[in-house]
Amino acid sequence: MYNVTILDAIRIYNSRKDFILFNTDKEYNITDFRLTNDILTFRNHYQHFRLMDVIKKEINRGININ
């Protein structure tokens, strides 16, 4: 489970993009992210990627929001 700020969670939840690519620190805090439809362009710049439908379900289930 990843930790995000409340503003980032709102931005992610309201996005119409298909993918989220993101980097995390050692405590699983999302340090930076990109919402995109073109995963191939940005894939090498980020550690993780997820389909937005999966992330939105995780937010609904109770992702940790700081």
PDB file of N, CA and C in Angstrom:
ATOM      1  N   MET A   1       0.843  -1.173   0.000  1.00  0.00           N
ATOM      2  CA  MET A   1       0.000   0.000   0.000  1.00  0.00           C
ATOM      3  C   MET A   1       0.888   1.235   0.000  1.00  0.00           C
ATOM      4  N   TYR A   2       0.523   2.204  -0.799  1.00  0.00           N
ATOM      5  CA  TYR A   2       1.315   3.420  -0.952  1.00  0.00           C
ATOM      6  C   TYR A   2       0.638   4.586  -0.245  1.00  0.00           C
ATOM      7  N   ASN A   3       1.450   5.503   0.240  1.00  0.00           N
ATOM      8  CA  ASN A   3       0.946   6.687   0.926  1.00  0.00           C
ATOM      9  C   ASN A   3       0.951   7.867  -0.033  1.00  0.00           C
ATOM     10  N   VAL A   4      -0.163   8.593  -0.079  1.00  0.00           N
ATOM     11  CA  VAL A   4      -0.264   9.798  -0.909  1.00  0.00           C
ATOM     12  C   VAL A   4      -0.908  10.908  -0.097  1.00  0.00           C
ATOM     13  N   THR A   5      -0.683  12.135  -0.524  1.00  0.00           N
ATOM     14  CA  THR A   5      -1.342  13.258   0.129  1.00  0.00           C
ATOM     15  C   THR A   5      -2.793  13.321  -0.326  1.00  0.00           C
ATOM     16  N   ILE A   6      -3.606  14.022   0.399  1.00  0.00           N
ATOM     17  CA  ILE A   6      -5.031  14.134   0.071  1.00  0.00           C
ATOM     18  C   ILE A   6      -5.220  14.817  -1.291  1.00  0.00           C
ATOM     19  N   LEU A   7      -4.427  15.841  -1.578  1.00  0.00           N
ATOM     20  CA  LEU A   7      -4.558  16.532  -2.870  1.00  0.00           C
ATOM     21  C   LEU A   7      -4.160  15.624  -4.034  1.00  0.00           C
ATOM     22  N   ASP A   8      -3.098  14.848  -3.846  1.00  0.00           N
ATOM     23  CA  ASP A   8      -2.693  13.913  -4.901  1.00  0.00           C
ATOM     24  C   ASP A   8      -3.742  12.833  -5.106  1.00  0.00           C
ATOM     25  N   ALA A   9      -4.351  12.346  -4.025  1.00  0.00           N
ATOM     26  CA  ALA A   9      -5.406  11.337  -4.145  1.00  0.00           C
ATOM     27  C   ALA A   9      -6.596  11.875  -4.929  1.00  0.00           C
ATOM     28  N   ILE A  10      -6.945  13.130  -4.700  1.00  0.00           N
ATOM     29  CA  ILE A  10      -8.049  13.753  -5.439  1.00  0.00           C
ATOM     30  C   ILE A  10      -7.691  13.894  -6.915  1.00  0.00           C
ATOM     31  N   ARG A  11      -6.462  14.343  -7.198  1.00  0.00           N
ATOM     32  CA  ARG A  11      -6.024  14.470  -8.598  1.00  0.00           C
ATOM     33  C   ARG A  11      -6.043  13.123  -9.308  1.00  0.00           C
ATOM     34  N   ILE A  12      -5.559  12.100  -8.627  1.00  0.00           N
ATOM     35  CA  ILE A  12      -5.529  10.756  -9.211  1.00  0.00           C
ATOM     36  C   ILE A  12      -6.944  10.250  -9.447  1.00  0.00           C
ATOM     37  N   TYR A  13      -7.804  10.409  -8.462  1.00  0.00           N
ATOM     38  CA  TYR A  13      -9.163   9.887  -8.559  1.00  0.00           C
ATOM     39  C   TYR A  13      -9.972  10.569  -9.655  1.00  0.00           C
ATOM     40  N   ASN A  14      -9.745  11.844  -9.863  1.00  0.00           N
ATOM     41  CA  ASN A  14     -10.503  12.604 -10.864  1.00  0.00           C
ATOM     42  C   ASN A  14      -9.899  12.532 -12.263  1.00  0.00           C
ATOM     43  N   SER A  15      -8.772  11.880 -12.408  1.00  0.00           N
ATOM     44  CA  SER A  15      -8.089  11.813 -13.699  1.00  0.00           C
ATOM     45  C   SER A  15      -8.829  10.928 -14.697  1.00  0.00           C
ATOM     46  N   ARG A  16      -8.716  11.283 -15.962  1.00  0.00           N
ATOM     47  CA  ARG A  16      -9.284  10.471 -17.038  1.00  0.00           C
ATOM     48  C   ARG A  16      -8.195   9.716 -17.803  1.00  0.00           C
ATOM     49  N   LYS A  17      -6.976   9.740 -17.288  1.00  0.00           N
ATOM     50  CA  LYS A  17      -5.860   9.043 -17.921  1.00  0.00           C
ATOM     51  C   LYS A  17      -5.955   7.542 -17.622  1.00  0.00           C
ATOM     52  N   ASP A  18      -5.234   6.740 -18.400  1.00  0.00           N
ATOM     53  CA  ASP A  18      -5.295   5.285 -18.271  1.00  0.00           C
ATOM     54  C   ASP A  18      -4.261   4.712 -17.310  1.00  0.00           C
ATOM     55  N   PHE A  19      -3.105   5.380 -17.171  1.00  0.00           N
ATOM     56  CA  PHE A  19      -2.012   4.845 -16.364  1.00  0.00           C
ATOM     57  C   PHE A  19      -1.482   5.891 -15.401  1.00  0.00           C
ATOM     58  N   ILE A  20      -0.938   5.406 -14.283  1.00  0.00           N
ATOM     59  CA  ILE A  20      -0.160   6.240 -13.380  1.00  0.00           C
ATOM     60  C   ILE A  20       1.214   5.594 -13.261  1.00  0.00           C
ATOM     61  N   LEU A  21       2.242   6.390 -13.427  1.00  0.00           N
ATOM     62  CA  LEU A  21       3.619   5.959 -13.230  1.00  0.00           C
ATOM     63  C   LEU A  21       4.146   6.739 -12.042  1.00  0.00           C
ATOM     64  N   PHE A  22       4.897   6.089 -11.145  1.00  0.00           N
ATOM     65  CA  PHE A  22       5.318   6.780  -9.939  1.00  0.00           C
ATOM     66  C   PHE A  22       6.587   6.203  -9.350  1.00  0.00           C
ATOM     67  N   ASN A  23       7.258   7.026  -8.533  1.00  0.00           N
ATOM     68  CA  ASN A  23       8.425   6.634  -7.754  1.00  0.00           C
ATOM     69  C   ASN A  23       8.044   6.685  -6.283  1.00  0.00           C
ATOM     70  N   THR A  24       8.673   5.829  -5.481  1.00  0.00           N
ATOM     71  CA  THR A  24       8.412   5.802  -4.048  1.00  0.00           C
ATOM     72  C   THR A  24       9.725   5.865  -3.281  1.00  0.00           C
ATOM     73  N   ASP A  25       9.619   6.275  -2.019  1.00  0.00           N
ATOM     74  CA  ASP A  25      10.777   6.219  -1.140  1.00  0.00           C
ATOM     75  C   ASP A  25      10.727   4.913  -0.342  1.00  0.00           C
ATOM     76  N   LYS A  26      11.601   4.771   0.636  1.00  0.00           N
ATOM     77  CA  LYS A  26      11.692   3.521   1.398  1.00  0.00           C
ATOM     78  C   LYS A  26      10.457   3.239   2.249  1.00  0.00           C
ATOM     79  N   GLU A  27       9.706   4.263   2.606  1.00  0.00           N
ATOM     80  CA  GLU A  27       8.501   4.097   3.417  1.00  0.00           C
ATOM     81  C   GLU A  27       7.239   4.014   2.585  1.00  0.00           C
ATOM     82  N   TYR A  28       7.370   3.791   1.282  1.00  0.00           N
ATOM     83  CA  TYR A  28       6.256   3.658   0.342  1.00  0.00           C
ATOM     84  C   TYR A  28       5.440   4.936   0.173  1.00  0.00           C
ATOM     85  N   ASN A  29       6.077   6.066   0.397  1.00  0.00           N
ATOM     86  CA  ASN A  29       5.447   7.346   0.076  1.00  0.00           C
ATOM     87  C   ASN A  29       5.682   7.626  -1.400  1.00  0.00           C
ATOM     88  N   ILE A  30       4.655   8.029  -2.109  1.00  0.00           N
ATOM     89  CA  ILE A  30       4.810   8.375  -3.518  1.00  0.00           C
ATOM     90  C   ILE A  30       5.508   9.725  -3.583  1.00  0.00           C
ATOM     91  N   THR A  31       6.700   9.748  -4.164  1.00  0.00           N
ATOM     92  CA  THR A  31       7.480  10.983  -4.218  1.00  0.00           C
ATOM     93  C   THR A  31       7.158  11.817  -5.451  1.00  0.00           C
ATOM     94  N   ASP A  32       6.895  11.171  -6.579  1.00  0.00           N
ATOM     95  CA  ASP A  32       6.446  11.881  -7.775  1.00  0.00           C
ATOM     96  C   ASP A  32       5.697  10.900  -8.654  1.00  0.00           C
ATOM     97  N   PHE A  33       4.809  11.452  -9.471  1.00  0.00           N
ATOM     98  CA  PHE A  33       3.998  10.602 -10.322  1.00  0.00           C
ATOM     99  C   PHE A  33       3.620  11.331 -11.603  1.00  0.00           C
ATOM    100  N   ARG A  34       3.193  10.562 -12.591  1.00  0.00           N
ATOM    101  CA  ARG A  34       2.714  11.116 -13.855  1.00  0.00           C
ATOM    102  C   ARG A  34       1.473  10.329 -14.269  1.00  0.00           C
ATOM    103  N   LEU A  35       0.446  11.040 -14.640  1.00  0.00           N
ATOM    104  CA  LEU A  35      -0.776  10.447 -15.174  1.00  0.00           C
ATOM    105  C   LEU A  35      -0.700  10.559 -16.683  1.00  0.00           C
ATOM    106  N   THR A  36      -0.871   9.444 -17.390  1.00  0.00           N
ATOM    107  CA  THR A  36      -0.656   9.459 -18.832  1.00  0.00           C
ATOM    108  C   THR A  36      -1.456   8.363 -19.532  1.00  0.00           C
ATOM    109  N   ASN A  37      -1.636   8.541 -20.812  1.00  0.00           N
ATOM    110  CA  ASN A  37      -2.191   7.488 -21.662  1.00  0.00           C
ATOM    111  C   ASN A  37      -1.086   6.780 -22.440  1.00  0.00           C
ATOM    112  N   ASP A  38       0.110   7.370 -22.460  1.00  0.00           N
ATOM    113  CA  ASP A  38       1.245   6.849 -23.222  1.00  0.00           C
ATOM    114  C   ASP A  38       2.303   6.298 -22.267  1.00  0.00           C
ATOM    115  N   ILE A  39       2.147   5.060 -21.875  1.00  0.00           N
ATOM    116  CA  ILE A  39       3.037   4.458 -20.883  1.00  0.00           C
ATOM    117  C   ILE A  39       4.459   4.260 -21.408  1.00  0.00           C
ATOM    118  N   LEU A  40       4.613   4.018 -22.683  1.00  0.00           N
ATOM    119  CA  LEU A  40       5.934   3.727 -23.244  1.00  0.00           C
ATOM    120  C   LEU A  40       6.888   4.919 -23.199  1.00  0.00           C
ATOM    121  N   THR A  41       6.366   6.104 -23.346  1.00  0.00           N
ATOM    122  CA  THR A  41       7.212   7.295 -23.345  1.00  0.00           C
ATOM    123  C   THR A  41       7.879   7.532 -21.995  1.00  0.00           C
ATOM    124  N   PHE A  42       7.167   7.292 -20.907  1.00  0.00           N
ATOM    125  CA  PHE A  42       7.650   7.649 -19.578  1.00  0.00           C
ATOM    126  C   PHE A  42       8.085   6.453 -18.730  1.00  0.00           C
ATOM    127  N   ARG A  43       7.960   5.255 -19.240  1.00  0.00           N
ATOM    128  CA  ARG A  43       8.216   4.028 -18.472  1.00  0.00           C
ATOM    129  C   ARG A  43       9.606   3.984 -17.824  1.00  0.00           C
ATOM    130  N   ASN A  44      10.633   4.453 -18.506  1.00  0.00           N
ATOM    131  CA  ASN A  44      12.002   4.377 -17.998  1.00  0.00           C
ATOM    132  C   ASN A  44      12.308   5.392 -16.904  1.00  0.00           C
ATOM    133  N   HIS A  45      11.448   6.369 -16.690  1.00  0.00           N
ATOM    134  CA  HIS A  45      11.696   7.415 -15.707  1.00  0.00           C
ATOM    135  C   HIS A  45      11.088   7.111 -14.338  1.00  0.00           C
ATOM    136  N   TYR A  46      10.309   6.047 -14.234  1.00  0.00           N
ATOM    137  CA  TYR A  46       9.597   5.748 -12.996  1.00  0.00           C
ATOM    138  C   TYR A  46       9.801   4.294 -12.585  1.00  0.00           C
ATOM    139  N   GLN A  47       9.720   4.030 -11.272  1.00  0.00           N
ATOM    140  CA  GLN A  47       9.929   2.688 -10.729  1.00  0.00           C
ATOM    141  C   GLN A  47       8.709   1.794 -10.902  1.00  0.00           C
ATOM    142  N   HIS A  48       7.523   2.355 -10.763  1.00  0.00           N
ATOM    143  CA  HIS A  48       6.288   1.575 -10.740  1.00  0.00           C
ATOM    144  C   HIS A  48       5.270   2.156 -11.721  1.00  0.00           C
ATOM    145  N   PHE A  49       4.347   1.303 -12.141  1.00  0.00           N
ATOM    146  CA  PHE A  49       3.212   1.798 -12.908  1.00  0.00           C
ATOM    147  C   PHE A  49       1.988   0.962 -12.551  1.00  0.00           C
ATOM    148  N   ARG A  50       0.827   1.568 -12.667  1.00  0.00           N
ATOM    149  CA  ARG A  50      -0.433   0.891 -12.395  1.00  0.00           C
ATOM    150  C   ARG A  50      -1.492   1.391 -13.362  1.00  0.00           C
ATOM    151  N   LEU A  51      -2.457   0.561 -13.603  1.00  0.00           N
ATOM    152  CA  LEU A  51      -3.630   0.939 -14.362  1.00  0.00           C
ATOM    153  C   LEU A  51      -4.502   1.799 -13.453  1.00  0.00           C
ATOM    154  N   MET A  52      -5.038   2.881 -13.973  1.00  0.00           N
ATOM    155  CA  MET A  52      -5.795   3.819 -13.140  1.00  0.00           C
ATOM    156  C   MET A  52      -7.020   3.175 -12.491  1.00  0.00           C
ATOM    157  N   ASP A  53      -7.667   2.238 -13.164  1.00  0.00           N
ATOM    158  CA  ASP A  53      -8.827   1.576 -12.562  1.00  0.00           C
ATOM    159  C   ASP A  53      -8.443   0.855 -11.282  1.00  0.00           C
ATOM    160  N   VAL A  54      -7.259   0.261 -11.241  1.00  0.00           N
ATOM    161  CA  VAL A  54      -6.790  -0.441 -10.043  1.00  0.00           C
ATOM    162  C   VAL A  54      -6.521   0.553  -8.918  1.00  0.00           C
ATOM    163  N   ILE A  55      -5.856   1.653  -9.245  1.00  0.00           N
ATOM    164  CA  ILE A  55      -5.546   2.671  -8.232  1.00  0.00           C
ATOM    165  C   ILE A  55      -6.819   3.285  -7.663  1.00  0.00           C
ATOM    166  N   LYS A  56      -7.805   3.551  -8.509  1.00  0.00           N
ATOM    167  CA  LYS A  56      -9.057   4.136  -8.021  1.00  0.00           C
ATOM    168  C   LYS A  56      -9.773   3.175  -7.068  1.00  0.00           C
ATOM    169  N   LYS A  57      -9.711   1.879  -7.340  1.00  0.00           N
ATOM    170  CA  LYS A  57     -10.305   0.896  -6.425  1.00  0.00           C
ATOM    171  C   LYS A  57      -9.556   0.876  -5.098  1.00  0.00           C
ATOM    172  N   GLU A  58      -8.218   1.008  -5.139  1.00  0.00           N
ATOM    173  CA  GLU A  58      -7.431   1.061  -3.916  1.00  0.00           C
ATOM    174  C   GLU A  58      -7.768   2.306  -3.099  1.00  0.00           C
ATOM    175  N   ILE A  59      -7.982   3.426  -3.763  1.00  0.00           N
ATOM    176  CA  ILE A  59      -8.364   4.653  -3.054  1.00  0.00           C
ATOM    177  C   ILE A  59      -9.720   4.441  -2.375  1.00  0.00           C
ATOM    178  N   ASN A  60     -10.656   3.814  -3.063  1.00  0.00           N
ATOM    179  CA  ASN A  60     -11.970   3.550  -2.482  1.00  0.00           C
ATOM    180  C   ASN A  60     -11.891   2.592  -1.297  1.00  0.00           C
ATOM    181  N   ARG A  61     -10.937   1.661  -1.346  1.00  0.00           N
ATOM    182  CA  ARG A  61     -10.788   0.670  -0.283  1.00  0.00           C
ATOM    183  C   ARG A  61     -10.076   1.219   0.946  1.00  0.00           C
ATOM    184  N   GLY A  62      -9.421   2.342   0.809  1.00  0.00           N
ATOM    185  CA  GLY A  62      -8.772   2.931   1.975  1.00  0.00           C
ATOM    186  C   GLY A  62      -7.282   3.031   1.867  1.00  0.00           C
ATOM    187  N   ILE A  63      -6.782   3.580   0.793  1.00  0.00           N
ATOM    188  CA  ILE A  63      -5.365   3.835   0.667  1.00  0.00           C
ATOM    189  C   ILE A  63      -4.964   4.835   1.755  1.00  0.00           C
ATOM    190  N   ASN A  64      -3.757   4.748   2.260  1.00  0.00           N
ATOM    191  CA  ASN A  64      -3.290   5.657   3.299  1.00  0.00           C
ATOM    192  C   ASN A  64      -3.099   7.046   2.727  1.00  0.00           C
ATOM    193  N   ILE A  65      -3.836   7.988   3.259  1.00  0.00           N
ATOM    194  CA  ILE A  65      -3.750   9.377   2.805  1.00  0.00           C
ATOM    195  C   ILE A  65      -3.211  10.215   3.952  1.00  0.00           C
ATOM    196  N   ASN A  66      -2.147  10.964   3.691  1.00  0.00           N
ATOM    197  CA  ASN A  66      -1.543  11.822   4.720  1.00  0.00           C
ATOM    198  C   ASN A  66      -2.014  13.233   4.586  1.00  0.00           C
TER     199      ASN A  66
END
